[in-house]
Amino acid sequence: MADTYDLIIIGGGPAGIAAGIYGARKALKILLLTKDFIGQTGKTAWVENYPGFLEISGSDLMGKFKEHLQKFPVEIKEGEKVKSLVKKESVFEIGLENNGKYLGQAVIVAGGRKPRLLNIPGEAEFSNKGVSYCSICDAPLFKNKEVVVVGGGNAGFEAAIDLLPYAQRISILEIGAKVIADEMSQRKVEGSGRVEIILEAKALEIKGKKFVEGLIYQNLKSGEVRELSVQGIFVQIGSLPMVEFLKDSNLVEFNQSGEIVVDPKTGATRTAGLFAAGDTTDVKYKQIGVAVGEGIKAALSAHEHLQRQ
């Protein structure tokens, strides 16, 4: 069993890294647990709205964040997945999937989000066989192929932009009556002349033999069922907070979207000493800059909590 840390941070995204930097500047003994330093930001092709960088790839931005963190005395355990979190008197015990355990007087949950699944026949069967959730990772595999992006929000249009240099033809399938992506992304896609946008369309089934060969969908207006002949399907229908290890703990309150409810002033949960930050929480805007600020807020709040003990 390791020594007790002042603060344990779960997550290596923008919120977790910012919390680590600010916590270290308060001279706290900190452990940061993370599966990796990639997350959603690291899978973003280009970031154009983070102050100080006119244009930078998501992976490069995460690299700079990590480099900044490593200048401080924060103990980092990469490749770790948290399985459980319990509070024993005034100390939190974190259990890992590899059966490791760590103790902390305060905890910040900043684990980010994971892709929301379609949950239709063929999705699991053809995962990594034509079905992808990361366009920046897999776009080069679909050179001269026909692909469909499911989801007409910002993520869907960004995926289409990632695919433009490679795919022969791109369709965007949107369940609503209109797309909701930013105007700039819409202009980039529409200006290409190679993207078809299909509205009021619901994905029903993924077809194929060894690899993806088609997507069956229903036109919600007419009820007609159609099939797109494609070799790639990029699912971009939102994301879910990575909070499975908290579901049965009764330590936090969840909203209807499964996000951790926090005090907007402090990042505190309903359990003393337990804080949350970034996209796992009910904070409205899921943006890199917002996550950084929320991580800072949680770290400063954790420091105040520890001073009162």
Protein backbone atom coordinates (compact mmCIF):
# COMPACT_ATOMS: atom_id res chain seq x y z
CA MET A 1 0.00 0.00 0.00
CA ALA A 2 1.43 3.36 -1.02
CA ASP A 3 1.71 6.32 1.31
CA THR A 4 -1.25 8.65 1.59
CA TYR A 5 -1.20 11.48 -0.94
CA ASP A 6 -2.58 14.94 -0.29
CA LEU A 7 -4.37 14.86 -3.63
CA ILE A 8 -5.06 12.17 -6.21
CA ILE A 9 -6.16 13.27 -9.67
CA ILE A 10 -7.97 10.79 -11.90
CA GLY A 11 -7.52 11.74 -15.55
CA GLY A 12 -4.78 13.11 -17.80
CA GLY A 13 -6.77 15.47 -19.99
CA PRO A 14 -6.75 19.29 -19.88
CA ALA A 15 -8.69 19.42 -16.58
CA GLY A 16 -6.53 16.83 -14.83
CA ILE A 17 -3.26 18.34 -16.05
CA ALA A 18 -4.28 21.87 -15.05
CA ALA A 19 -5.29 20.55 -11.61
CA GLY A 20 -1.91 18.86 -11.28
CA ILE A 21 0.01 22.02 -12.11
CA TYR A 22 -1.94 24.21 -9.70
CA GLY A 23 -1.94 21.60 -6.96
CA ALA A 24 1.83 21.22 -7.25
CA ARG A 25 2.27 24.99 -6.98
CA LYS A 26 0.49 24.72 -3.63
CA ALA A 27 3.15 22.19 -2.56
CA LEU A 28 0.69 19.31 -2.35
CA LYS A 29 1.87 15.72 -2.60
CA ILE A 30 0.06 14.66 -5.77
CA LEU A 31 -0.55 11.45 -7.68
CA LEU A 32 -2.08 11.63 -11.16
CA LEU A 33 -3.61 8.43 -12.54
CA THR A 34 -4.44 8.19 -16.23
CA LYS A 35 -4.88 5.68 -19.00
CA ASP A 36 -3.03 8.02 -21.36
CA PHE A 37 -2.48 11.67 -22.21
CA ILE A 38 -4.48 11.55 -25.43
CA GLY A 39 -8.18 11.73 -24.65
CA GLN A 40 -10.61 13.64 -26.82
CA THR A 41 -8.27 16.61 -27.23
CA GLY A 42 -5.42 14.44 -28.49
CA LYS A 43 -7.70 13.00 -31.16
CA THR A 44 -8.69 16.42 -32.49
CA ALA A 45 -7.04 17.31 -35.79
CA TRP A 46 -6.73 21.05 -35.26
CA VAL A 47 -7.42 23.35 -32.33
CA GLU A 48 -7.97 26.95 -33.40
CA ASN A 49 -9.65 28.42 -30.34
CA TYR A 50 -7.17 27.90 -27.49
CA PRO A 51 -5.50 31.20 -26.53
CA GLY A 52 -1.83 31.44 -27.40
CA PHE A 53 -2.00 29.02 -30.33
CA LEU A 54 -3.42 30.28 -33.62
CA GLU A 55 -3.54 26.71 -34.88
CA ILE A 56 -2.18 23.55 -33.27
CA SER A 57 -2.97 19.87 -33.55
CA GLY A 58 -4.74 18.31 -30.60
CA SER A 59 -1.89 15.85 -30.08
CA ASP A 60 0.71 18.65 -30.05
CA LEU A 61 -1.36 20.67 -27.58
CA MET A 62 -1.65 17.68 -25.26
CA GLY A 63 2.09 17.16 -25.61
CA LYS A 64 2.70 20.72 -24.45
CA PHE A 65 0.26 20.29 -21.57
CA LYS A 66 2.05 17.11 -20.46
CA GLU A 67 5.49 18.73 -20.79
CA HIS A 68 4.32 21.60 -18.59
CA LEU A 69 2.97 19.18 -15.98
CA GLN A 70 6.25 17.24 -15.88
CA LYS A 71 8.12 20.35 -14.77
CA PHE A 72 6.39 20.00 -11.41
CA PRO A 73 6.83 17.29 -8.73
CA VAL A 74 3.67 15.39 -9.63
CA GLU A 75 3.87 11.60 -9.48
CA ILE A 76 2.35 10.23 -12.69
CA LYS A 77 1.05 6.70 -13.20
CA GLU A 78 0.22 6.22 -16.87
CA GLY A 79 -1.59 3.18 -18.27
CA GLU A 80 -3.82 2.89 -15.20
CA LYS A 81 -7.59 2.39 -15.11
CA VAL A 82 -9.53 3.12 -11.93
CA LYS A 83 -11.95 0.41 -10.83
CA SER A 84 -13.29 1.76 -7.54
CA LEU A 85 -13.34 4.76 -5.23
CA VAL A 86 -14.43 4.53 -1.60
CA LYS A 87 -14.11 6.83 1.38
CA LYS A 88 -12.92 5.36 4.66
CA GLU A 89 -13.33 7.93 7.42
CA SER A 90 -11.42 10.97 6.09
CA VAL A 91 -9.32 9.12 3.50
CA PHE A 92 -10.20 8.01 -0.04
CA GLU A 93 -9.09 4.61 -1.33
CA ILE A 94 -8.72 4.20 -5.08
CA GLY A 95 -8.64 0.68 -6.50
CA LEU A 96 -7.15 -0.06 -9.91
CA GLU A 97 -8.00 -2.79 -12.41
CA ASN A 98 -4.54 -4.29 -11.79
CA ASN A 99 -5.50 -4.56 -8.09
CA GLY A 100 -3.25 -1.69 -7.08
CA LYS A 101 -4.52 0.70 -4.40
CA TYR A 102 -3.76 4.31 -3.49
CA LEU A 103 -4.85 6.53 -0.61
CA GLY A 104 -5.58 10.24 -0.83
CA GLN A 105 -6.93 12.91 1.49
CA ALA A 106 -8.63 14.61 -1.46
CA VAL A 107 -9.54 13.44 -4.96
CA ILE A 108 -10.31 15.22 -8.23
CA VAL A 109 -12.19 13.18 -10.84
CA ALA A 110 -11.29 14.46 -14.31
CA GLY A 111 -11.57 11.36 -16.44
CA GLY A 112 -13.15 12.94 -19.50
CA ARG A 113 -15.56 11.19 -21.84
CA LYS A 114 -15.80 8.24 -24.23
CA PRO A 115 -17.70 7.91 -27.54
CA ARG A 116 -21.42 7.22 -27.43
CA LEU A 117 -22.27 4.04 -29.34
CA LEU A 118 -25.00 3.61 -31.94
CA ASN A 119 -26.03 0.32 -30.32
CA ILE A 120 -27.25 -1.15 -33.60
CA PRO A 121 -26.66 -4.59 -35.15
CA GLY A 122 -23.19 -4.92 -36.66
CA GLU A 123 -21.56 -2.11 -34.69
CA ALA A 124 -19.63 -4.30 -32.25
CA GLU A 125 -18.92 -6.94 -34.91
CA PHE A 126 -17.28 -4.44 -37.27
CA SER A 127 -15.51 -2.27 -34.71
CA ASN A 128 -12.00 -1.67 -36.12
CA LYS A 129 -13.17 -3.43 -39.29
CA GLY A 130 -14.60 -0.31 -40.86
CA VAL A 131 -16.40 1.14 -37.85
CA SER A 132 -14.38 3.91 -36.19
CA TYR A 133 -14.87 6.51 -33.48
CA CYS A 134 -11.72 8.50 -34.24
CA SER A 135 -11.40 10.19 -37.63
CA ILE A 136 -7.98 11.67 -37.02
CA CYS A 137 -6.68 8.20 -36.07
CA ASP A 138 -8.23 6.23 -38.92
CA ALA A 139 -8.92 8.62 -41.82
CA PRO A 140 -5.74 7.62 -43.74
CA LEU A 141 -7.00 4.01 -43.82
CA PHE A 142 -9.89 5.05 -46.07
CA LYS A 143 -8.01 6.53 -49.01
CA ASN A 144 -10.24 6.46 -52.13
CA LYS A 145 -13.01 4.74 -50.12
CA GLU A 146 -16.64 5.71 -49.64
CA VAL A 147 -17.49 6.51 -46.03
CA VAL A 148 -20.35 7.81 -43.92
CA VAL A 149 -20.17 9.95 -40.79
CA VAL A 150 -23.08 9.38 -38.41
CA GLY A 151 -23.79 12.64 -36.61
CA GLY A 152 -24.29 16.17 -37.91
CA GLY A 153 -22.89 18.14 -34.98
CA ASN A 154 -19.45 19.72 -34.60
CA ALA A 155 -17.76 16.35 -34.11
CA GLY A 156 -19.40 14.93 -37.23
CA PHE A 157 -18.36 17.83 -39.42
CA GLU A 158 -14.83 17.80 -37.98
CA ALA A 159 -14.65 14.10 -38.85
CA ALA A 160 -15.74 14.88 -42.41
CA ILE A 161 -13.01 17.55 -42.63
CA ASP A 162 -10.45 15.00 -41.40
CA LEU A 163 -11.64 12.58 -44.10
CA LEU A 164 -11.63 15.03 -47.02
CA PRO A 165 -7.95 14.49 -47.96
CA TYR A 166 -8.50 10.74 -48.16
CA ALA A 167 -12.04 9.53 -48.83
CA GLN A 168 -13.49 9.45 -52.33
CA ARG A 169 -17.02 10.23 -51.17
CA ILE A 170 -18.39 11.23 -47.77
CA SER A 171 -21.95 11.18 -46.49
CA ILE A 172 -23.07 12.80 -43.24
CA LEU A 173 -26.09 11.18 -41.64
CA GLU A 174 -28.01 13.43 -39.24
CA ILE A 175 -31.06 12.28 -37.30
CA GLY A 176 -32.43 15.83 -36.95
CA ALA A 177 -34.05 18.12 -39.48
CA LYS A 178 -30.94 20.32 -39.65
CA VAL A 179 -27.24 20.13 -38.84
CA ILE A 180 -25.98 21.88 -35.73
CA ALA A 181 -22.27 22.25 -36.51
CA ASP A 182 -20.44 25.58 -36.38
CA GLU A 183 -20.82 27.75 -39.48
CA MET A 184 -17.10 27.62 -40.23
CA SER A 185 -17.09 23.81 -40.27
CA GLN A 186 -20.20 23.76 -42.45
CA ARG A 187 -18.56 26.09 -44.98
CA LYS A 188 -15.44 23.91 -45.17
CA VAL A 189 -17.51 20.79 -45.79
CA GLU A 190 -19.95 22.32 -48.24
CA GLY A 191 -17.15 24.00 -50.16
CA SER A 192 -15.49 20.66 -50.88
CA GLY A 193 -18.23 19.48 -53.23
CA ARG A 194 -17.64 15.88 -52.11
CA VAL A 195 -19.89 15.62 -49.08
CA GLU A 196 -23.56 14.67 -49.12
CA ILE A 197 -25.65 15.61 -46.08
CA ILE A 198 -28.62 13.34 -45.35
CA LEU A 199 -31.08 14.78 -42.84
CA GLU A 200 -33.77 13.08 -40.75
CA ALA A 201 -31.99 9.76 -41.11
CA LYS A 202 -31.62 7.09 -38.42
CA ALA A 203 -28.91 4.42 -38.64
CA LEU A 204 -30.42 0.94 -38.29
CA GLU A 205 -27.81 -1.70 -39.12
CA ILE A 206 -24.24 -2.14 -40.31
CA LYS A 207 -23.74 -4.77 -43.00
CA GLY A 208 -20.71 -6.63 -44.24
CA LYS A 209 -18.84 -9.90 -44.42
CA LYS A 210 -15.32 -9.58 -43.05
CA PHE A 211 -15.38 -5.77 -43.21
CA VAL A 212 -18.00 -3.03 -43.46
CA GLU A 213 -19.85 -2.98 -46.77
CA GLY A 214 -22.89 -0.84 -46.02
CA LEU A 215 -25.08 1.08 -43.61
CA ILE A 216 -28.85 0.64 -43.55
CA TYR A 217 -30.79 3.69 -42.43
CA GLN A 218 -34.36 4.93 -42.29
CA ASN A 219 -35.65 8.22 -43.62
CA LEU A 220 -37.68 9.43 -40.65
CA LYS A 221 -39.86 11.67 -42.80
CA SER A 222 -40.99 9.06 -45.34
CA GLY A 223 -40.30 5.90 -43.33
CA GLU A 224 -38.35 4.50 -46.28
CA VAL A 225 -35.42 2.20 -45.47
CA ARG A 226 -32.32 2.70 -47.61
CA GLU A 227 -28.75 1.44 -47.77
CA LEU A 228 -25.52 3.33 -48.27
CA SER A 229 -22.72 1.35 -49.88
CA VAL A 230 -19.68 2.34 -47.82
CA GLN A 231 -16.43 0.85 -46.56
CA GLY A 232 -16.12 3.07 -43.51
CA ILE A 233 -18.49 4.30 -40.81
CA PHE A 234 -17.40 7.05 -38.43
CA VAL A 235 -19.65 7.34 -35.38
CA GLN A 236 -19.83 10.89 -34.01
CA ILE A 237 -23.05 11.09 -32.00
CA GLY A 238 -21.71 12.53 -28.79
CA SER A 239 -19.98 11.09 -25.77
CA LEU A 240 -20.54 9.75 -22.27
CA PRO A 241 -18.71 10.67 -19.06
CA MET A 242 -16.20 8.08 -17.88
CA VAL A 243 -17.52 7.60 -14.37
CA GLU A 244 -18.30 3.87 -14.18
CA PHE A 245 -16.20 3.43 -11.04
CA LEU A 246 -18.47 5.90 -9.22
CA LYS A 247 -21.85 4.51 -10.26
CA ASP A 248 -22.42 2.40 -7.15
CA SER A 249 -20.39 4.45 -4.69
CA ASN A 250 -23.07 6.93 -3.56
CA LEU A 251 -20.28 9.51 -3.27
CA VAL A 252 -21.61 11.81 -5.99
CA GLU A 253 -24.88 12.93 -7.52
CA PHE A 254 -25.45 12.38 -11.25
CA ASN A 255 -27.67 14.38 -13.58
CA GLN A 256 -29.88 12.82 -16.25
CA SER A 257 -26.93 12.67 -18.65
CA GLY A 258 -24.82 10.67 -16.19
CA GLU A 259 -22.55 13.63 -15.45
CA ILE A 260 -21.26 14.42 -11.97
CA VAL A 261 -23.12 17.31 -10.37
CA VAL A 262 -20.66 19.84 -8.93
CA ASP A 263 -20.83 23.14 -7.10
CA PRO A 264 -20.14 25.63 -9.93
CA LYS A 265 -18.10 27.85 -7.58
CA THR A 266 -15.74 25.15 -6.29
CA GLY A 267 -16.04 21.94 -8.31
CA ALA A 268 -17.02 20.14 -5.09
CA THR A 269 -19.28 17.08 -5.13
CA ARG A 270 -21.66 16.15 -2.33
CA THR A 271 -18.82 14.29 -0.56
CA ALA A 272 -16.31 16.39 1.38
CA GLY A 273 -12.86 16.18 -0.18
CA LEU A 274 -14.11 14.82 -3.51
CA PHE A 275 -14.05 17.20 -6.46
CA ALA A 276 -14.68 16.82 -10.18
CA ALA A 277 -13.64 18.84 -13.22
CA GLY A 278 -13.88 18.92 -16.97
CA ASP A 279 -16.18 16.99 -19.26
CA THR A 280 -17.21 14.41 -16.64
CA THR A 281 -19.22 17.10 -14.85
CA ASP A 282 -22.48 18.92 -15.47
CA VAL A 283 -20.66 22.12 -16.45
CA LYS A 284 -22.48 23.24 -19.60
CA TYR A 285 -19.75 23.90 -22.15
CA LYS A 286 -17.43 21.06 -23.11
CA GLN A 287 -14.40 23.00 -24.31
CA ILE A 288 -10.65 22.70 -23.71
CA GLY A 289 -10.42 26.17 -22.18
CA VAL A 290 -13.38 25.51 -19.91
CA ALA A 291 -11.88 22.19 -18.78
CA VAL A 292 -8.58 23.87 -17.92
CA GLY A 293 -10.36 26.48 -15.82
CA GLU A 294 -12.47 23.84 -14.07
CA GLY A 295 -9.35 21.82 -13.26
CA ILE A 296 -7.68 24.88 -11.76
CA LYS A 297 -10.80 25.65 -9.72
CA ALA A 298 -10.97 22.10 -8.37
CA ALA A 299 -7.28 22.10 -7.40
CA LEU A 300 -7.55 25.39 -5.52
CA SER A 301 -10.71 24.16 -3.80
CA ALA A 302 -8.99 20.90 -2.83
CA HIS A 303 -6.11 22.90 -1.36
CA GLU A 304 -8.55 24.99 0.71
CA HIS A 305 -10.27 21.81 1.88
CA LEU A 306 -6.96 20.29 3.01
CA GLN A 307 -5.99 23.45 4.87
CA ARG A 308 -9.18 23.19 6.90
CA GLN A 309 -8.45 19.61 7.99
